[in-house]
Protein backbone atom coordinates (compact mmCIF):
# COMPACT_ATOMS: atom_id res chain seq x y z
CA MET A 1 -16.76 3.24 4.82
CA LEU A 2 -16.92 6.56 4.32
CA ASP A 3 -18.98 8.40 7.06
CA LYS A 4 -20.90 11.74 5.43
CA ASN A 5 -21.88 12.67 9.32
CA SER A 6 -18.41 13.05 9.96
CA THR A 7 -16.54 15.94 11.03
CA GLY A 8 -13.73 15.88 10.52
CA PHE A 9 -10.74 13.60 8.71
CA ASP A 10 -10.24 9.70 10.17
CA TRP A 11 -7.31 7.90 9.79
CA SER A 12 -8.40 4.68 9.18
CA LYS A 13 -11.45 5.58 7.09
CA ASN A 14 -10.73 8.61 4.48
CA TYR A 15 -7.59 8.37 2.12
CA ILE A 16 -5.28 10.99 1.18
CA SER A 17 -7.01 11.85 -1.33
CA ASN A 18 -10.23 13.46 -0.30
CA LEU A 19 -8.22 15.93 1.68
CA PHE A 20 -7.75 17.40 -2.08
CA ALA A 21 -11.75 17.87 -2.83
CA ALA A 22 -12.70 21.63 -2.58
CA LYS A 23 -15.77 19.50 -0.20
CA ALA A 24 -15.28 17.47 2.50
CA ILE A 25 -17.60 14.48 2.56
CA ASN A 26 -20.24 15.62 4.56
CA ALA A 27 -20.45 18.16 1.48
CA SER A 28 -18.98 21.42 3.79
CA GLU A 29 -16.09 23.68 2.91
CA ASN A 30 -12.85 21.35 2.91
CA PRO A 31 -10.34 24.13 5.09
CA SER A 32 -7.15 21.43 4.82
CA ARG A 33 -7.33 21.84 0.82
CA ILE A 34 -4.49 24.01 0.91
CA TRP A 35 -2.35 22.32 3.54
CA ALA A 36 -2.91 19.04 1.36
CA LEU A 37 -2.18 20.47 -1.58
CA ILE A 38 1.25 22.33 -0.25
CA GLY A 39 2.09 19.21 1.85
CA MET A 40 1.31 17.45 -1.67
CA GLY A 41 3.99 19.92 -3.24
CA LEU A 42 6.77 19.62 -1.00
CA HIS A 43 6.22 15.51 -0.70
CA SER A 44 6.71 15.69 -4.85
CA VAL A 45 9.79 17.87 -4.70
CA GLY A 46 11.28 16.32 -1.94
CA TYR A 47 10.81 12.62 -3.40
CA GLY A 48 12.83 14.17 -6.41
CA ILE A 49 15.70 15.67 -5.12
CA PHE A 50 16.14 12.71 -2.91
CA PHE A 51 16.07 10.00 -6.27
CA ILE A 52 18.85 13.59 -8.11
CA ASN A 53 20.47 13.58 -4.78
CA MET A 54 21.09 9.57 -4.86
CA SER A 55 22.54 9.78 -8.59
CA LYS A 56 24.65 11.62 -7.13
CA LYS A 57 26.39 8.93 -4.57
CA ILE A 58 26.12 5.47 -6.85
CA ALA A 59 29.28 5.33 -8.51
CA ALA A 60 27.14 2.85 -11.20
CA ARG A 61 27.06 5.46 -14.33
CA HIS A 62 23.62 3.56 -15.53
CA ALA A 63 21.76 3.62 -12.72
CA ALA A 64 22.55 6.96 -11.69
CA ASN A 65 21.15 7.86 -14.80
CA VAL A 66 17.67 5.94 -14.07
CA LEU A 67 17.60 7.60 -10.68
CA LYS A 68 17.87 11.65 -11.44
CA TYR A 69 15.54 10.46 -14.34
CA ILE A 70 12.85 9.09 -11.93
CA GLY A 71 13.43 11.34 -9.22
CA ALA A 72 12.56 14.36 -12.14
CA ALA A 73 9.37 12.47 -13.67
CA ASN A 74 8.67 11.41 -10.18
CA MET A 75 8.21 15.06 -9.08
CA ILE A 76 5.95 16.24 -11.62
CA PHE A 77 3.41 12.60 -11.80
CA SER A 78 3.57 12.61 -7.32
CA PHE A 79 2.38 16.25 -8.05
CA LEU A 80 -0.67 15.39 -10.42
CA ILE A 81 -2.08 13.14 -7.82
CA VAL A 82 -4.27 15.40 -6.79
CA THR A 83 -5.82 16.40 -10.18
CA PRO A 84 -8.56 14.46 -11.55
CA LEU A 85 -6.10 11.93 -13.09
CA HIS A 86 -5.52 10.58 -10.02
CA ASP A 87 -5.78 7.11 -10.56
CA ALA A 88 -3.33 7.56 -13.36
CA MET A 89 -0.94 9.46 -11.43
CA VAL A 90 -1.01 7.07 -8.47
CA THR A 91 -0.24 4.27 -10.59
CA ILE A 92 2.54 6.23 -12.52
CA SER A 93 4.34 7.52 -9.65
CA GLY A 94 4.24 4.25 -7.40
CA THR A 95 5.98 2.06 -10.24
CA LEU A 96 8.76 4.71 -10.97
CA PHE A 97 8.78 5.04 -6.75
CA LEU A 98 9.11 1.03 -6.93
CA MET A 99 11.81 0.68 -9.40
CA GLY A 100 13.83 3.54 -8.17
CA LEU A 101 13.77 1.90 -4.43
CA PHE A 102 14.64 -1.14 -5.73
CA TYR A 103 17.65 0.17 -8.12
CA ILE A 104 18.88 1.67 -4.26
CA THR A 105 17.88 -1.56 -2.48
CA VAL A 106 19.91 -3.63 -5.12
CA PHE A 107 23.05 -0.74 -4.82
CA ILE A 108 23.13 -0.90 -0.20
CA LEU A 109 22.51 -4.99 -0.67
CA LYS A 110 26.06 -4.10 -1.23
CA THR A 111 27.18 -2.09 1.59
CA ARG A 112 27.62 -2.72 5.20
CA LEU A 113 24.70 -0.57 6.10
CA HIS A 114 22.55 -3.69 7.32
CA LEU A 115 20.03 -1.61 9.52
CA LEU A 116 19.01 0.37 5.90
CA LYS A 117 19.18 -3.37 3.97
CA PHE A 118 16.70 -4.54 6.77
CA SER A 119 14.40 -1.04 6.25
CA CYS A 120 14.87 -1.14 1.76
CA ILE A 121 13.44 -4.90 1.91
CA ILE A 122 11.03 -3.54 5.01
CA CYS A 123 9.70 -1.22 2.91
CA LEU A 124 9.40 -2.37 -0.68
CA LEU A 125 7.50 -5.47 0.73
CA ILE A 126 5.03 -2.83 2.83
CA PHE A 127 4.53 -1.07 -0.81
CA TYR A 128 3.78 -4.17 -2.16
CA TYR A 129 1.48 -5.01 -0.02
CA THR A 130 -0.71 -1.96 -0.32
CA LEU A 131 -1.05 -3.08 -3.75
CA TYR A 132 -2.77 -5.94 -2.61
CA PRO A 133 -6.45 -4.41 -0.69
CA TYR A 134 -6.67 -2.50 -4.03
CA GLY A 135 -6.13 -5.00 -5.85
CA SER A 136 -8.40 -7.05 -4.39
CA GLY A 137 -11.25 -4.26 -3.62
CA ASN A 138 -10.89 -3.94 0.10
CA TRP A 139 -10.67 -0.39 0.47
CA GLY A 140 -10.87 -0.44 4.47
CA LEU A 141 -7.57 -2.21 5.05
CA LEU A 142 -6.19 -0.24 1.85
CA ALA A 143 -6.98 3.62 3.87
CA ILE A 144 -4.87 2.35 6.56
CA MET A 145 -2.20 0.62 4.50
CA GLN A 146 -2.03 4.09 2.17
CA LYS A 147 -0.55 5.73 5.90
CA VAL A 148 1.40 3.21 6.66
CA SER A 149 3.20 2.71 3.34
CA PHE A 150 3.93 6.60 2.75
CA ILE A 151 5.11 6.48 6.85
CA SER A 152 7.60 3.27 5.94
CA SER A 153 8.82 5.07 2.71
CA MET A 154 9.41 8.52 4.19
CA LEU A 155 11.24 7.36 6.90
CA LEU A 156 13.35 5.11 4.78
CA VAL A 157 14.07 8.18 2.13
CA LEU A 158 14.96 9.82 5.41
CA GLY A 159 17.04 7.27 6.66
CA ILE A 160 19.03 6.94 3.20
CA GLU A 161 18.97 10.29 2.66
CA TYR A 162 21.01 11.31 5.94
CA PHE A 163 23.16 7.98 6.77
CA THR A 164 24.27 7.08 3.51
CA LYS A 165 27.20 9.10 1.57
CA LYS A 166 28.76 8.45 -1.39
CA GLU A 167 31.78 6.82 -0.28
CA ASP A 168 28.89 3.68 0.72
CA PHE A 169 28.39 2.97 -2.66
CA LYS A 170 32.02 3.85 -4.15
CA GLN A 171 33.47 0.21 -3.85
CA ILE A 172 30.49 -0.99 -6.12
CA LYS A 173 30.31 -1.39 -9.76
CA SER A 174 26.86 -1.60 -12.40
CA SER A 175 28.35 -5.92 -12.15
CA GLY A 176 28.23 -6.16 -9.11
CA GLN A 177 31.78 -6.34 -8.19
CA LYS A 178 34.37 -4.35 -6.14
CA ILE A 179 36.83 -1.90 -7.95
CA GLN A 180 40.30 -2.85 -6.82
CA ALA A 181 42.78 -0.06 -6.03
CA THR A 182 46.20 -0.03 -7.25
CA ASN A 183 49.19 0.37 -6.40
CA ARG A 184 51.07 3.35 -8.74
């Protein structure tokens, strides 16, 4: 699948992790490495901040704590994807991301944010489907699905970050019952 005579990055044949190596697949110097490392660092910090910010929007204390710890841990594990521990870190950070996204999806499903409900479900399905080519060894499809999953999760994170507020989740308790205001 990889073309050793290629002069550049092919979005449908290369993996994002190919950009982290000191040498390109064709054995020449990899000028994109520094930008890939900087991008992965910013990506890791951005997703970590997202989960920590989301923990402040959700009123359910247990779920907020889970999101906060997922965000902090995922910052570290996501950046370690650029190291030789790549395969293990992809598994750990992917699992943490899915767990955090699942928690957020549960709370968004209880709101009136219909577009975000749909987007959360689609993003989860894309992420889960991306695991299929990995498990089945379909590396060609995986190279493409990696980018589709990455872009869809980034768009969802941006949507949730900028189009939700604490008030959207204020009336939801962790048991799913709405909190009734008292007349005092």
